[in-house]
Protein backbone atom coordinates (compact mmCIF):
# COMPACT_ATOMS: atom_id res chain seq x y z
CA UNK A 1 117.62 127.34 28.22
CA UNK A 2 118.36 124.03 26.59
CA UNK A 3 116.00 121.07 26.14
CA UNK A 4 117.53 117.63 26.58
CA UNK A 5 115.67 114.49 25.51
CA UNK A 6 116.23 111.48 27.77
CA UNK A 7 115.03 108.12 26.46
CA UNK A 8 116.91 105.50 28.50
CA UNK A 9 117.59 104.60 32.10
CA UNK A 10 121.35 105.02 31.54
CA UNK A 11 120.90 108.54 30.20
CA UNK A 12 118.63 109.47 33.12
CA UNK A 13 121.18 108.14 35.63
CA UNK A 14 123.53 110.98 34.64
CA UNK A 15 121.05 113.41 36.22
CA UNK A 16 120.17 111.44 39.37
CA UNK A 17 121.71 113.98 41.77
CA UNK A 18 119.86 116.91 40.18
CA UNK A 19 116.53 115.02 40.21
CA UNK A 20 116.95 114.07 43.87
CA UNK A 21 117.99 117.62 44.85
CA UNK A 22 114.85 119.08 43.25
CA UNK A 23 112.60 116.58 45.04
CA UNK A 24 114.34 117.25 48.36
CA UNK A 25 114.02 121.04 48.04
CA UNK A 26 110.31 120.67 47.16
CA UNK A 27 109.73 118.20 50.03
CA UNK A 28 108.16 115.78 47.57
CA UNK A 29 105.35 113.51 48.78
CA UNK A 30 104.38 111.99 45.41
CA UNK A 31 105.83 108.45 45.20
CA UNK A 32 105.27 108.32 41.43
CA UNK A 33 107.91 110.98 40.69
CA UNK A 34 110.57 109.57 42.98
CA UNK A 35 113.77 108.88 41.05
CA UNK A 36 113.82 105.11 41.72
CA UNK A 37 110.18 104.70 40.66
CA UNK A 38 110.75 106.58 37.38
CA UNK A 39 113.94 104.59 36.70
CA UNK A 40 112.07 101.33 37.18
CA UNK A 41 109.36 102.56 34.81
CA UNK A 42 111.99 103.45 32.23
CA UNK A 43 113.50 99.98 32.48
CA UNK A 44 110.13 98.31 32.02
CA UNK A 45 109.00 100.64 29.21
CA UNK A 46 112.11 100.47 27.04
CA UNK A 47 110.92 99.17 23.69
CA UNK A 48 107.20 99.70 24.56
CA UNK A 49 106.36 103.14 23.24
CA UNK A 50 108.46 106.21 22.90
CA UNK A 51 109.62 107.40 26.31
CA UNK A 52 110.82 110.99 26.45
CA UNK A 53 111.85 112.64 29.64
CA UNK A 54 112.46 116.25 28.71
CA UNK A 55 115.06 117.90 30.91
CA UNK A 56 115.60 121.65 31.05
CA UNK A 57 119.13 122.93 31.49
CA UNK A 58 119.80 126.55 32.39
CA UNK A 59 123.20 128.03 33.26
CA UNK A 60 124.79 124.55 33.38
CA UNK A 61 122.26 123.19 35.88
CA UNK A 62 119.17 121.06 35.44
CA UNK A 63 116.07 122.95 36.57
CA UNK A 64 113.25 120.63 35.48
CA UNK A 65 112.27 117.16 34.23
CA UNK A 66 109.06 116.36 32.34
CA UNK A 67 108.46 112.56 32.37
CA UNK A 68 106.49 111.95 29.16
CA UNK A 69 105.61 109.03 26.94
CA UNK A 70 104.57 109.52 23.32
CA UNK A 71 102.22 107.43 21.27
CA UNK A 72 102.25 107.81 17.47
CA UNK A 73 98.78 107.83 15.93
CA UNK A 74 97.17 108.58 12.57
CA UNK A 75 97.02 112.34 13.30
CA UNK A 76 100.38 112.76 15.02
CA UNK A 77 101.25 112.18 18.67
CA UNK A 78 99.53 111.79 22.01
CA UNK A 79 101.79 112.86 24.84
CA UNK A 80 101.08 111.37 28.29
CA UNK A 81 102.93 111.34 31.53
CA UNK A 82 104.88 108.10 31.90
CA UNK A 83 102.86 104.91 32.20
CA UNK A 84 99.32 106.31 32.45
CA UNK A 85 97.93 102.86 33.29
CA UNK A 86 100.33 102.24 36.18
CA UNK A 87 100.58 105.65 37.84
CA UNK A 88 97.79 107.40 39.74
CA UNK A 89 99.56 110.69 40.35
CA UNK A 90 102.20 112.28 38.17
CA UNK A 91 103.81 115.69 37.90
CA UNK A 92 106.75 117.53 36.50
CA UNK A 93 109.91 117.62 38.58
CA UNK A 94 111.00 121.24 38.96
CA UNK A 95 111.92 123.62 41.73
CA UNK A 96 108.92 125.74 42.59
CA UNK A 97 110.63 128.96 41.50
CA UNK A 98 111.36 127.49 38.03
CA UNK A 99 108.02 125.80 37.23
CA UNK A 100 106.40 128.62 35.20
CA UNK A 101 109.46 129.24 33.02
CA UNK A 102 110.06 125.52 32.53
CA UNK A 103 106.44 124.87 31.50
CA UNK A 104 106.55 127.71 28.99
CA UNK A 105 109.87 126.62 27.53
CA UNK A 106 109.13 122.87 27.29
CA UNK A 107 105.63 123.14 25.81
CA UNK A 108 106.74 125.84 23.35
CA UNK A 109 109.65 123.65 22.21
CA UNK A 110 107.55 120.49 21.88
CA UNK A 111 104.85 122.34 19.95
CA UNK A 112 107.48 123.83 17.62
CA UNK A 113 108.92 120.40 16.73
CA UNK A 114 105.85 118.15 17.04
CA UNK A 115 103.13 120.19 15.40
CA UNK A 116 100.43 117.47 15.52
CA UNK A 117 100.39 116.74 19.25
CA UNK A 118 97.70 116.22 21.85
CA UNK A 119 98.74 116.53 25.48
CA UNK A 120 96.73 114.17 27.69
CA UNK A 121 98.19 114.77 31.15
CA UNK A 122 96.66 112.67 33.92
CA UNK A 123 97.05 112.51 37.68
CA UNK A 124 98.13 116.06 38.43
CA UNK A 125 97.52 116.80 42.11
CA UNK A 126 95.54 120.05 42.36
CA UNK A 127 97.24 121.12 45.59
CA UNK A 128 100.66 120.85 43.90
CA UNK A 129 99.88 123.86 41.71
CA UNK A 130 100.95 122.41 38.36
CA UNK A 131 97.41 122.25 36.87
CA UNK A 132 96.88 125.98 37.44
CA UNK A 133 100.34 126.79 36.06
CA UNK A 134 99.62 124.78 32.88
CA UNK A 135 96.24 126.54 32.60
CA UNK A 136 97.99 129.91 32.91
CA UNK A 137 100.40 128.90 30.14
CA UNK A 138 97.52 127.84 27.89
CA UNK A 139 95.66 131.11 28.51
CA UNK A 140 98.81 133.09 27.69
CA UNK A 141 99.13 131.13 24.43
CA UNK A 142 95.40 131.42 23.69
CA UNK A 143 94.98 127.62 23.63
CA UNK A 144 91.86 125.72 24.70
CA UNK A 145 91.97 123.04 27.36
CA UNK A 146 89.74 120.62 29.16
CA UNK A 147 90.55 120.22 32.83
CA UNK A 148 88.75 117.41 34.65
CA UNK A 149 89.22 117.19 38.41
CA UNK A 150 88.15 114.22 40.49
CA UNK A 151 88.55 113.46 44.16
CA UNK A 152 90.79 110.45 44.73
CA UNK A 153 91.42 109.39 48.33
CA UNK A 154 91.30 113.00 49.52
CA UNK A 155 93.47 114.31 46.68
CA UNK A 156 91.97 116.40 43.90
CA UNK A 157 93.49 114.91 40.75
CA UNK A 158 93.34 116.71 37.43
CA UNK A 159 93.50 115.51 33.88
CA UNK A 160 94.35 118.24 31.37
CA UNK A 161 93.81 117.76 27.65
CA UNK A 162 95.00 120.29 25.09
CA UNK A 163 96.52 120.26 21.62
CA UNK A 164 98.51 122.14 19.06
CA UNK A 165 96.51 124.26 16.62
CA UNK A 166 96.81 121.89 13.65
CA UNK A 167 93.34 120.80 12.45
CA UNK A 168 93.95 117.03 12.83
CA UNK A 169 95.17 117.49 16.42
CA UNK A 170 92.28 119.78 17.33
CA UNK A 171 89.77 117.33 15.85
CA UNK A 172 91.15 114.41 17.84
CA UNK A 173 91.40 116.62 20.97
CA UNK A 174 87.70 117.44 20.62
CA UNK A 175 86.94 113.72 20.28
CA UNK A 176 88.86 113.03 23.53
CA UNK A 177 86.96 115.85 25.29
CA UNK A 178 83.62 114.33 24.30
CA UNK A 179 84.78 110.84 25.27
CA UNK A 180 86.00 112.04 28.70
CA UNK A 181 82.77 113.97 29.31
CA UNK A 182 80.72 110.91 28.43
CA UNK A 183 82.83 108.68 30.72
CA UNK A 184 82.59 111.20 33.59
CA UNK A 185 78.79 111.36 33.31
CA UNK A 186 78.63 107.58 33.15
CA UNK A 187 80.69 107.31 36.36
CA UNK A 188 78.50 109.90 38.11
CA UNK A 189 75.39 107.85 37.35
CA UNK A 190 77.03 104.70 38.76
CA UNK A 191 78.25 106.49 41.90
């Protein structure tokens, strides 16, 4: 497998057919991972934070796309799905048969090259299966996670937070866990 880093709309446009074919095969119903929506996000985000769509190539075909955005901080990086403020639901774009292998490959590669990274992945639809597949990956790698699920208009949406094993990243991850727990309890009291 090969990991390709896509940072611009023009670079992504090379893979439009593969992206659309994956969504069609999966019978996608998430508007936030549609090709046109992601392209428009890329256009608006260029120059506003480090956009990285990681594409996985295997046997000369693209099998997955991970639409991420990185934020550099004092401890390293926070990796989100694209535009966390603008998108309610996000996911990886991969054929169902390739999801497990793609998750393992991409996260292993990112962790190898960006040792101080926190993954703060929002808006994963529970019924889509990606949250459980990421949890399985983390269990296999003996990594801790926090998975918060909330009901949003009939959809169970997950937010998964995990980090590399570097002390700075783990410390900030723990801070985010406490902050999210506090905010969740605060929202429960209001509701």
